[in-house]
Amino acid sequence: MVALQRFVGMSREEFLAEFTSGGIPKPPIGELLGFEVLEAEPGRAVLAFPTAEYLCNPFGVVAGGVAATIMDAAMWVAFQTSLPGQTLVSTTDLNVHYVRHIPMSIGEVRVQAQAVHVGRMTGTAESRAVDGEGTLYAHATAGFVAAVDPTVNGSA
């Protein structure tokens, strides 16, 4: 709620600056999974997460749901920042393709995302999860729908 309250009244540029600098608190899922927003600009975002043991399944590799969640978050940022004003968006669908296991030993995974189509009410984005060498571990697409402007009718 703190992030939403801060978002209301900000321009897109102010939101991006606050979001990437840590001026807006991480969402609870970001705290839980330990991901960071490294870059955000209109239509593009880069998030990173550590490959720590607490994110692994019983086989010692990062759980697929962790990668999917962070890829969804990166695509949400990329799409959200491509919209004008204070329109909020929600994910409508998510399609993840796992190319290989994400081993705990690689240290950090970067998720690069970009908006692909930005319509008036809906759109799509894509992302890639890679290590520091550029090795691809997963790629994904997602659909989004715009919600009502949070400043209209006091819905914030």
N, C-alpha and C. Protein backbone atom coordinates (compact mmCIF):
# COMPACT_ATOMS: atom_id res chain seq x y z
N MET A 1 0.82 -1.20 0.00
CA MET A 1 0.00 0.00 0.00
C MET A 1 0.85 1.25 0.00
N VAL A 2 2.02 1.20 0.65
CA VAL A 2 2.88 2.37 0.69
C VAL A 2 3.30 2.76 -0.72
N ALA A 3 3.68 1.77 -1.53
CA ALA A 3 4.09 2.06 -2.91
C ALA A 3 2.94 2.65 -3.70
N LEU A 4 1.74 2.12 -3.55
CA LEU A 4 0.58 2.64 -4.27
C LEU A 4 0.29 4.06 -3.85
N GLN A 5 0.34 4.34 -2.57
CA GLN A 5 0.09 5.69 -2.09
C GLN A 5 1.13 6.67 -2.62
N ARG A 6 2.38 6.25 -2.71
CA ARG A 6 3.43 7.12 -3.24
C ARG A 6 3.26 7.29 -4.74
N PHE A 7 2.78 6.25 -5.43
CA PHE A 7 2.60 6.28 -6.87
C PHE A 7 1.58 7.33 -7.29
N VAL A 8 0.49 7.44 -6.53
CA VAL A 8 -0.56 8.40 -6.85
C VAL A 8 0.03 9.80 -6.75
N GLY A 9 -0.07 10.54 -7.82
CA GLY A 9 0.45 11.90 -7.85
C GLY A 9 1.83 12.03 -8.46
N MET A 10 2.48 10.91 -8.79
CA MET A 10 3.80 10.96 -9.42
C MET A 10 3.69 10.89 -10.93
N SER A 11 4.60 11.56 -11.60
CA SER A 11 4.72 11.37 -13.04
C SER A 11 5.43 10.04 -13.28
N ARG A 12 5.39 9.56 -14.52
CA ARG A 12 6.08 8.31 -14.84
C ARG A 12 7.57 8.45 -14.55
N GLU A 13 8.17 9.59 -14.89
CA GLU A 13 9.59 9.81 -14.66
C GLU A 13 9.93 9.80 -13.17
N GLU A 14 9.07 10.42 -12.36
CA GLU A 14 9.29 10.40 -10.91
C GLU A 14 9.18 8.98 -10.36
N PHE A 15 8.18 8.24 -10.83
CA PHE A 15 8.01 6.85 -10.40
C PHE A 15 9.25 6.02 -10.74
N LEU A 16 9.75 6.15 -11.97
CA LEU A 16 10.93 5.38 -12.38
C LEU A 16 12.14 5.73 -11.52
N ALA A 17 12.34 7.01 -11.27
CA ALA A 17 13.48 7.43 -10.45
C ALA A 17 13.37 6.89 -9.03
N GLU A 18 12.19 6.97 -8.44
CA GLU A 18 11.99 6.47 -7.07
C GLU A 18 12.08 4.95 -7.01
N PHE A 19 11.55 4.29 -8.02
CA PHE A 19 11.54 2.83 -8.05
C PHE A 19 12.94 2.27 -8.16
N THR A 20 13.76 2.82 -9.06
CA THR A 20 15.10 2.29 -9.26
C THR A 20 16.07 2.70 -8.16
N SER A 21 15.80 3.82 -7.49
CA SER A 21 16.71 4.27 -6.42
C SER A 21 16.37 3.64 -5.07
N GLY A 22 15.24 2.95 -4.99
CA GLY A 22 14.82 2.38 -3.72
C GLY A 22 14.00 3.34 -2.89
N GLY A 23 13.65 4.49 -3.46
CA GLY A 23 12.82 5.46 -2.75
C GLY A 23 11.42 4.94 -2.46
N ILE A 24 10.94 4.06 -3.33
CA ILE A 24 9.68 3.37 -3.09
C ILE A 24 10.04 2.01 -2.52
N PRO A 25 9.41 1.61 -1.42
CA PRO A 25 9.75 0.30 -0.83
C PRO A 25 9.50 -0.84 -1.80
N LYS A 26 10.32 -1.88 -1.67
CA LYS A 26 10.11 -3.08 -2.47
C LYS A 26 8.75 -3.66 -2.13
N PRO A 27 8.10 -4.28 -3.11
CA PRO A 27 6.88 -5.00 -2.77
C PRO A 27 7.24 -6.19 -1.88
N PRO A 28 6.30 -6.68 -1.08
CA PRO A 28 6.61 -7.81 -0.19
C PRO A 28 7.23 -9.00 -0.91
N ILE A 29 6.79 -9.29 -2.13
CA ILE A 29 7.36 -10.44 -2.85
C ILE A 29 8.83 -10.17 -3.20
N GLY A 30 9.18 -8.91 -3.43
CA GLY A 30 10.57 -8.55 -3.70
C GLY A 30 11.45 -8.77 -2.48
N GLU A 31 10.92 -8.45 -1.32
CA GLU A 31 11.65 -8.70 -0.07
C GLU A 31 11.82 -10.20 0.14
N LEU A 32 10.75 -10.94 -0.07
CA LEU A 32 10.77 -12.39 0.16
C LEU A 32 11.77 -13.09 -0.76
N LEU A 33 11.75 -12.75 -2.05
CA LEU A 33 12.61 -13.43 -3.02
C LEU A 33 13.97 -12.76 -3.19
N GLY A 34 14.13 -11.57 -2.66
CA GLY A 34 15.42 -10.90 -2.70
C GLY A 34 15.78 -10.30 -4.04
N PHE A 35 14.80 -9.97 -4.89
CA PHE A 35 15.17 -9.38 -6.17
C PHE A 35 15.29 -7.87 -6.09
N GLU A 36 16.10 -7.33 -6.98
CA GLU A 36 16.38 -5.90 -7.05
C GLU A 36 16.03 -5.39 -8.44
N VAL A 37 15.55 -4.16 -8.52
CA VAL A 37 15.36 -3.50 -9.81
C VAL A 37 16.67 -2.80 -10.14
N LEU A 38 17.35 -3.26 -11.17
CA LEU A 38 18.62 -2.66 -11.58
C LEU A 38 18.42 -1.51 -12.56
N GLU A 39 17.47 -1.70 -13.47
CA GLU A 39 17.19 -0.68 -14.49
C GLU A 39 15.70 -0.65 -14.76
N ALA A 40 15.19 0.53 -15.00
CA ALA A 40 13.80 0.69 -15.43
C ALA A 40 13.70 1.97 -16.24
N GLU A 41 13.15 1.84 -17.40
CA GLU A 41 12.90 2.98 -18.27
C GLU A 41 11.63 2.65 -19.03
N PRO A 42 11.02 3.61 -19.69
CA PRO A 42 9.76 3.31 -20.37
C PRO A 42 9.87 2.09 -21.29
N GLY A 43 9.09 1.07 -20.97
CA GLY A 43 9.02 -0.13 -21.80
C GLY A 43 10.12 -1.15 -21.58
N ARG A 44 10.98 -0.95 -20.59
CA ARG A 44 12.11 -1.85 -20.38
C ARG A 44 12.48 -1.92 -18.91
N ALA A 45 12.91 -3.11 -18.46
CA ALA A 45 13.34 -3.27 -17.06
C ALA A 45 14.34 -4.41 -16.96
N VAL A 46 15.23 -4.30 -15.97
CA VAL A 46 16.16 -5.38 -15.65
C VAL A 46 16.09 -5.59 -14.14
N LEU A 47 15.76 -6.81 -13.74
CA LEU A 47 15.75 -7.19 -12.34
C LEU A 47 16.82 -8.25 -12.13
N ALA A 48 17.31 -8.38 -10.91
CA ALA A 48 18.30 -9.40 -10.60
C ALA A 48 17.91 -10.08 -9.30
N PHE A 49 18.27 -11.37 -9.21
CA PHE A 49 18.03 -12.09 -7.96
C PHE A 49 19.19 -13.04 -7.70
N PRO A 50 19.46 -13.29 -6.40
CA PRO A 50 20.54 -14.20 -6.05
C PRO A 50 20.08 -15.65 -6.19
N THR A 51 20.99 -16.53 -6.50
CA THR A 51 20.63 -17.95 -6.55
C THR A 51 20.99 -18.59 -5.21
N ALA A 52 20.29 -18.18 -4.19
CA ALA A 52 20.56 -18.64 -2.83
C ALA A 52 19.80 -19.93 -2.52
N GLU A 53 20.27 -20.64 -1.51
CA GLU A 53 19.68 -21.92 -1.14
C GLU A 53 18.20 -21.82 -0.80
N TYR A 54 17.79 -20.74 -0.18
CA TYR A 54 16.39 -20.60 0.22
C TYR A 54 15.44 -20.50 -0.98
N LEU A 55 15.97 -20.32 -2.18
CA LEU A 55 15.15 -20.26 -3.39
C LEU A 55 15.14 -21.60 -4.15
N CYS A 56 15.84 -22.59 -3.61
CA CYS A 56 16.01 -23.86 -4.32
C CYS A 56 14.96 -24.90 -3.92
N ASN A 57 14.74 -25.81 -4.85
CA ASN A 57 13.87 -26.96 -4.59
C ASN A 57 14.72 -28.06 -3.94
N PRO A 58 14.14 -29.21 -3.64
CA PRO A 58 14.91 -30.28 -2.98
C PRO A 58 16.09 -30.81 -3.81
N PHE A 59 16.13 -30.49 -5.10
CA PHE A 59 17.20 -30.98 -5.97
C PHE A 59 18.36 -29.99 -6.07
N GLY A 60 18.28 -28.87 -5.34
CA GLY A 60 19.38 -27.91 -5.30
C GLY A 60 19.43 -26.92 -6.45
N VAL A 61 18.33 -26.80 -7.18
CA VAL A 61 18.26 -25.79 -8.24
C VAL A 61 17.14 -24.81 -7.91
N VAL A 62 17.26 -23.59 -8.43
CA VAL A 62 16.25 -22.57 -8.16
C VAL A 62 14.89 -23.08 -8.64
N ALA A 63 13.90 -22.97 -7.78
CA ALA A 63 12.55 -23.44 -8.10
C ALA A 63 11.99 -22.67 -9.30
N GLY A 64 11.32 -23.38 -10.17
CA GLY A 64 10.74 -22.76 -11.36
C GLY A 64 9.78 -21.63 -11.04
N GLY A 65 9.04 -21.78 -9.96
CA GLY A 65 8.10 -20.73 -9.56
C GLY A 65 8.77 -19.44 -9.18
N VAL A 66 9.97 -19.54 -8.64
CA VAL A 66 10.74 -18.34 -8.29
C VAL A 66 11.09 -17.59 -9.57
N ALA A 67 11.65 -18.30 -10.54
CA ALA A 67 12.01 -17.68 -11.81
C ALA A 67 10.78 -17.08 -12.48
N ALA A 68 9.67 -17.80 -12.48
CA ALA A 68 8.44 -17.31 -13.11
C ALA A 68 7.95 -16.04 -12.44
N THR A 69 7.99 -16.01 -11.11
CA THR A 69 7.52 -14.84 -10.38
C THR A 69 8.36 -13.61 -10.69
N ILE A 70 9.67 -13.79 -10.73
CA ILE A 70 10.55 -12.64 -10.99
C ILE A 70 10.46 -12.21 -12.45
N MET A 71 10.27 -13.15 -13.36
CA MET A 71 10.08 -12.79 -14.76
C MET A 71 8.77 -12.02 -14.93
N ASP A 72 7.73 -12.45 -14.22
CA ASP A 72 6.46 -11.73 -14.25
C ASP A 72 6.65 -10.31 -13.72
N ALA A 73 7.37 -10.16 -12.62
CA ALA A 73 7.61 -8.84 -12.03
C ALA A 73 8.36 -7.94 -13.00
N ALA A 74 9.37 -8.47 -13.67
CA ALA A 74 10.15 -7.68 -14.62
C ALA A 74 9.29 -7.23 -15.80
N MET A 75 8.46 -8.14 -16.30
CA MET A 75 7.58 -7.77 -17.42
C MET A 75 6.54 -6.76 -16.98
N TRP A 76 6.04 -6.89 -15.74
CA TRP A 76 5.09 -5.93 -15.21
C TRP A 76 5.72 -4.54 -15.19
N VAL A 77 6.95 -4.44 -14.70
CA VAL A 77 7.63 -3.14 -14.65
C VAL A 77 7.80 -2.59 -16.06
N ALA A 78 8.25 -3.42 -17.00
CA ALA A 78 8.45 -2.97 -18.38
C ALA A 78 7.15 -2.46 -18.98
N PHE A 79 6.06 -3.19 -18.77
CA PHE A 79 4.78 -2.77 -19.34
C PHE A 79 4.22 -1.57 -18.59
N GLN A 80 4.26 -1.60 -17.26
CA GLN A 80 3.73 -0.51 -16.45
C GLN A 80 4.38 0.82 -16.83
N THR A 81 5.69 0.80 -17.05
CA THR A 81 6.41 2.03 -17.35
C THR A 81 6.21 2.52 -18.78
N SER A 82 5.55 1.72 -19.59
CA SER A 82 5.28 2.14 -20.97
C SER A 82 3.96 2.88 -21.10
N LEU A 83 3.19 2.92 -20.03
CA LEU A 83 1.87 3.56 -20.06
C LEU A 83 1.93 5.00 -19.56
N PRO A 84 1.04 5.82 -20.07
CA PRO A 84 1.01 7.20 -19.61
C PRO A 84 0.31 7.33 -18.25
N GLY A 85 0.61 8.41 -17.57
CA GLY A 85 -0.10 8.73 -16.34
C GLY A 85 0.04 7.68 -15.27
N GLN A 86 -1.03 7.51 -14.52
CA GLN A 86 -1.01 6.63 -13.35
C GLN A 86 -1.87 5.40 -13.55
N THR A 87 -1.94 4.92 -14.76
CA THR A 87 -2.67 3.70 -15.04
C THR A 87 -1.95 2.53 -14.38
N LEU A 88 -2.69 1.69 -13.68
CA LEU A 88 -2.13 0.49 -13.08
C LEU A 88 -2.49 -0.72 -13.93
N VAL A 89 -1.62 -1.71 -13.99
CA VAL A 89 -1.88 -2.89 -14.79
C VAL A 89 -1.80 -4.16 -13.96
N SER A 90 -2.44 -5.19 -14.45
CA SER A 90 -2.40 -6.51 -13.84
C SER A 90 -2.05 -7.53 -14.90
N THR A 91 -1.35 -8.58 -14.49
CA THR A 91 -1.02 -9.67 -15.39
C THR A 91 -2.26 -10.50 -15.67
N THR A 92 -2.50 -10.81 -16.94
CA THR A 92 -3.64 -11.66 -17.30
C THR A 92 -3.21 -13.08 -17.63
N ASP A 93 -1.99 -13.23 -18.13
CA ASP A 93 -1.49 -14.58 -18.42
C ASP A 93 0.03 -14.55 -18.42
N LEU A 94 0.60 -15.71 -18.19
CA LEU A 94 2.05 -15.85 -18.10
C LEU A 94 2.44 -17.18 -18.72
N ASN A 95 3.41 -17.15 -19.64
CA ASN A 95 3.86 -18.36 -20.31
C ASN A 95 5.38 -18.40 -20.18
N VAL A 96 5.89 -19.39 -19.45
CA VAL A 96 7.32 -19.50 -19.19
C VAL A 96 7.88 -20.74 -19.89
N HIS A 97 9.03 -20.57 -20.52
CA HIS A 97 9.74 -21.68 -21.14
C HIS A 97 11.09 -21.82 -20.43
N TYR A 98 11.27 -22.94 -19.74
CA TYR A 98 12.52 -23.21 -19.04
C TYR A 98 13.46 -23.91 -20.01
N VAL A 99 14.64 -23.35 -20.20
CA VAL A 99 15.62 -23.89 -21.13
C VAL A 99 16.57 -24.84 -20.42
N ARG A 100 16.94 -24.48 -19.18
CA ARG A 100 17.83 -25.33 -18.38
C ARG A 100 17.62 -24.99 -16.91
N HIS A 101 18.08 -25.87 -16.03
CA HIS A 101 18.00 -25.62 -14.59
C HIS A 101 18.84 -24.40 -14.23
N ILE A 102 18.39 -23.66 -13.21
CA ILE A 102 19.18 -22.54 -12.69
C ILE A 102 19.91 -23.04 -11.46
N PRO A 103 21.21 -23.32 -11.57
CA PRO A 103 21.95 -23.85 -10.43
C PRO A 103 22.22 -22.76 -9.39
N MET A 104 22.28 -23.17 -8.14
CA MET A 104 22.58 -22.24 -7.07
C MET A 104 23.96 -21.63 -7.23
N SER A 105 24.86 -22.32 -7.89
CA SER A 105 26.26 -21.90 -8.00
C SER A 105 26.50 -20.69 -8.90
N ILE A 106 25.52 -20.27 -9.71
CA ILE A 106 25.81 -19.16 -10.63
C ILE A 106 25.79 -17.79 -9.94
N GLY A 107 25.23 -17.72 -8.75
CA GLY A 107 25.32 -16.48 -7.98
C GLY A 107 24.20 -15.48 -8.23
N GLU A 108 24.00 -15.04 -9.45
CA GLU A 108 22.96 -14.05 -9.74
C GLU A 108 22.36 -14.30 -11.11
N VAL A 109 21.06 -14.11 -11.19
CA VAL A 109 20.36 -14.19 -12.47
C VAL A 109 19.78 -12.80 -12.75
N ARG A 110 19.93 -12.37 -13.98
CA ARG A 110 19.33 -11.11 -14.41
C ARG A 110 18.16 -11.41 -15.32
N VAL A 111 17.07 -10.73 -15.08
CA VAL A 111 15.88 -10.88 -15.91
C VAL A 111 15.69 -9.58 -16.68
N GLN A 112 15.82 -9.68 -17.99
CA GLN A 112 15.68 -8.54 -18.89
C GLN A 112 14.29 -8.61 -19.51
N ALA A 113 13.53 -7.52 -19.39
CA ALA A 113 12.16 -7.52 -19.90
C ALA A 113 11.90 -6.29 -20.75
N GLN A 114 11.00 -6.46 -21.70
CA GLN A 114 10.58 -5.32 -22.51
C GLN A 114 9.13 -5.47 -22.93
N ALA A 115 8.47 -4.33 -23.04
CA ALA A 115 7.10 -4.33 -23.55
C ALA A 115 7.17 -4.64 -25.04
N VAL A 116 6.26 -5.47 -25.50
CA VAL A 116 6.22 -5.84 -26.91
C VAL A 116 5.10 -5.09 -27.62
N HIS A 117 3.93 -5.10 -27.02
CA HIS A 117 2.78 -4.40 -27.58
C HIS A 117 2.10 -3.61 -26.47
N VAL A 118 1.88 -2.33 -26.71
CA VAL A 118 1.22 -1.48 -25.73
C VAL A 118 -0.02 -0.89 -26.39
N GLY A 119 -1.18 -1.45 -26.03
CA GLY A 119 -2.44 -0.94 -26.54
C GLY A 119 -3.05 0.01 -25.54
N ARG A 120 -4.28 0.44 -25.83
CA ARG A 120 -4.96 1.38 -24.94
C ARG A 120 -5.34 0.73 -23.62
N MET A 121 -5.76 -0.54 -23.64
CA MET A 121 -6.18 -1.23 -22.42
C MET A 121 -5.43 -2.53 -22.15
N THR A 122 -4.80 -3.10 -23.17
CA THR A 122 -4.09 -4.37 -23.00
C THR A 122 -2.72 -4.30 -23.67
N GLY A 123 -1.90 -5.28 -23.36
CA GLY A 123 -0.60 -5.33 -24.00
C GLY A 123 0.15 -6.59 -23.61
N THR A 124 1.35 -6.71 -24.14
CA THR A 124 2.18 -7.88 -23.87
C THR A 124 3.62 -7.45 -23.61
N ALA A 125 4.35 -8.35 -22.96
CA ALA A 125 5.78 -8.13 -22.70
C ALA A 125 6.49 -9.46 -22.79
N GLU A 126 7.81 -9.41 -22.89
CA GLU A 126 8.62 -10.62 -22.93
C GLU A 126 9.83 -10.43 -22.02
N SER A 127 10.40 -11.55 -21.57
CA SER A 127 11.58 -11.47 -20.71
C SER A 127 12.49 -12.66 -20.95
N ARG A 128 13.73 -12.48 -20.49
CA ARG A 128 14.76 -13.52 -20.59
C ARG A 128 15.51 -13.54 -19.27
N ALA A 129 15.74 -14.73 -18.72
CA ALA A 129 16.53 -14.90 -17.51
C ALA A 129 17.90 -15.43 -17.92
N VAL A 130 18.96 -14.66 -17.62
CA VAL A 130 20.31 -15.02 -18.04
C VAL A 130 21.30 -14.87 -16.88
N ASP A 131 22.43 -15.53 -16.99
CA ASP A 131 23.49 -15.35 -15.99
C ASP A 131 24.46 -14.28 -16.47
N GLY A 132 25.53 -14.07 -15.74
CA GLY A 132 26.51 -13.05 -16.08
C GLY A 132 27.23 -13.28 -17.40
N GLU A 133 27.23 -14.51 -17.86
CA GLU A 133 27.86 -14.86 -19.14
C GLU A 133 26.89 -14.72 -20.31
N GLY A 134 25.62 -14.46 -20.00
CA GLY A 134 24.61 -14.37 -21.04
C GLY A 134 23.92 -15.68 -21.36
N THR A 135 24.19 -16.74 -20.58
CA THR A 135 23.55 -18.03 -20.80
C THR A 135 22.06 -17.91 -20.47
N LEU A 136 21.22 -18.37 -21.39
CA LEU A 136 19.77 -18.30 -21.22
C LEU A 136 19.28 -19.47 -20.37
N TYR A 137 18.48 -19.17 -19.35
CA TYR A 137 17.89 -20.20 -18.49
C TYR A 137 16.39 -20.34 -18.70
N ALA A 138 15.73 -19.23 -19.01
CA ALA A 138 14.29 -19.26 -19.26
C ALA A 138 13.89 -18.01 -20.04
N HIS A 139 12.79 -18.11 -20.75
CA HIS A 139 12.22 -16.93 -21.39
C HIS A 139 10.71 -17.01 -21.23
N ALA A 140 10.07 -15.85 -21.26
CA ALA A 140 8.64 -15.82 -20.96
C ALA A 140 7.94 -14.69 -21.70
N THR A 141 6.63 -14.84 -21.80
CA THR A 141 5.76 -13.76 -22.29
C THR A 141 4.62 -13.61 -21.29
N ALA A 142 4.03 -12.43 -21.29
CA ALA A 142 2.89 -12.18 -20.41
C ALA A 142 1.96 -11.19 -21.07
N GLY A 143 0.69 -11.29 -20.70
CA GLY A 143 -0.32 -10.33 -21.12
C GLY A 143 -0.71 -9.47 -19.94
N PHE A 144 -1.14 -8.25 -20.23
CA PHE A 144 -1.51 -7.31 -19.19
C PHE A 144 -2.79 -6.58 -19.58
N VAL A 145 -3.52 -6.16 -18.57
CA VAL A 145 -4.71 -5.34 -18.78
C VAL A 145 -4.60 -4.14 -17.86
N ALA A 146 -4.99 -2.99 -18.39
CA ALA A 146 -4.96 -1.75 -17.61
C ALA A 146 -6.18 -1.68 -16.70
N ALA A 147 -5.95 -1.22 -15.49
CA ALA A 147 -7.03 -1.01 -14.54
C ALA A 147 -7.43 0.47 -14.60
N VAL A 148 -8.43 0.81 -13.84
CA VAL A 148 -8.89 2.20 -13.79
C VAL A 148 -7.82 3.05 -13.12
N ASP A 149 -7.67 4.28 -13.57
CA ASP A 149 -6.75 5.24 -12.97
C ASP A 149 -7.06 5.33 -11.47
N PRO A 150 -6.06 5.12 -10.58
CA PRO A 150 -6.32 5.08 -9.13
C PRO A 150 -6.78 6.41 -8.54
N THR A 151 -6.64 7.49 -9.30
CA THR A 151 -7.05 8.80 -8.77
C THR A 151 -8.51 9.11 -9.07
N VAL A 152 -9.14 8.29 -9.91
CA VAL A 152 -10.52 8.53 -10.29
C VAL A 152 -11.47 7.98 -9.22
N ASN A 153 -12.45 8.77 -8.81
CA ASN A 153 -13.47 8.37 -7.83
C ASN A 153 -12.88 7.89 -6.51
N GLY A 154 -11.71 8.37 -6.15
CA GLY A 154 -11.13 8.02 -4.86
C GLY A 154 -10.84 6.55 -4.68
N SER A 155 -10.50 5.84 -5.77
CA SER A 155 -10.27 4.41 -5.65
C SER A 155 -8.88 4.05 -5.16
N ALA A 156 -8.05 5.03 -4.88
CA ALA A 156 -6.69 4.71 -4.42
C ALA A 156 -6.67 4.31 -2.97
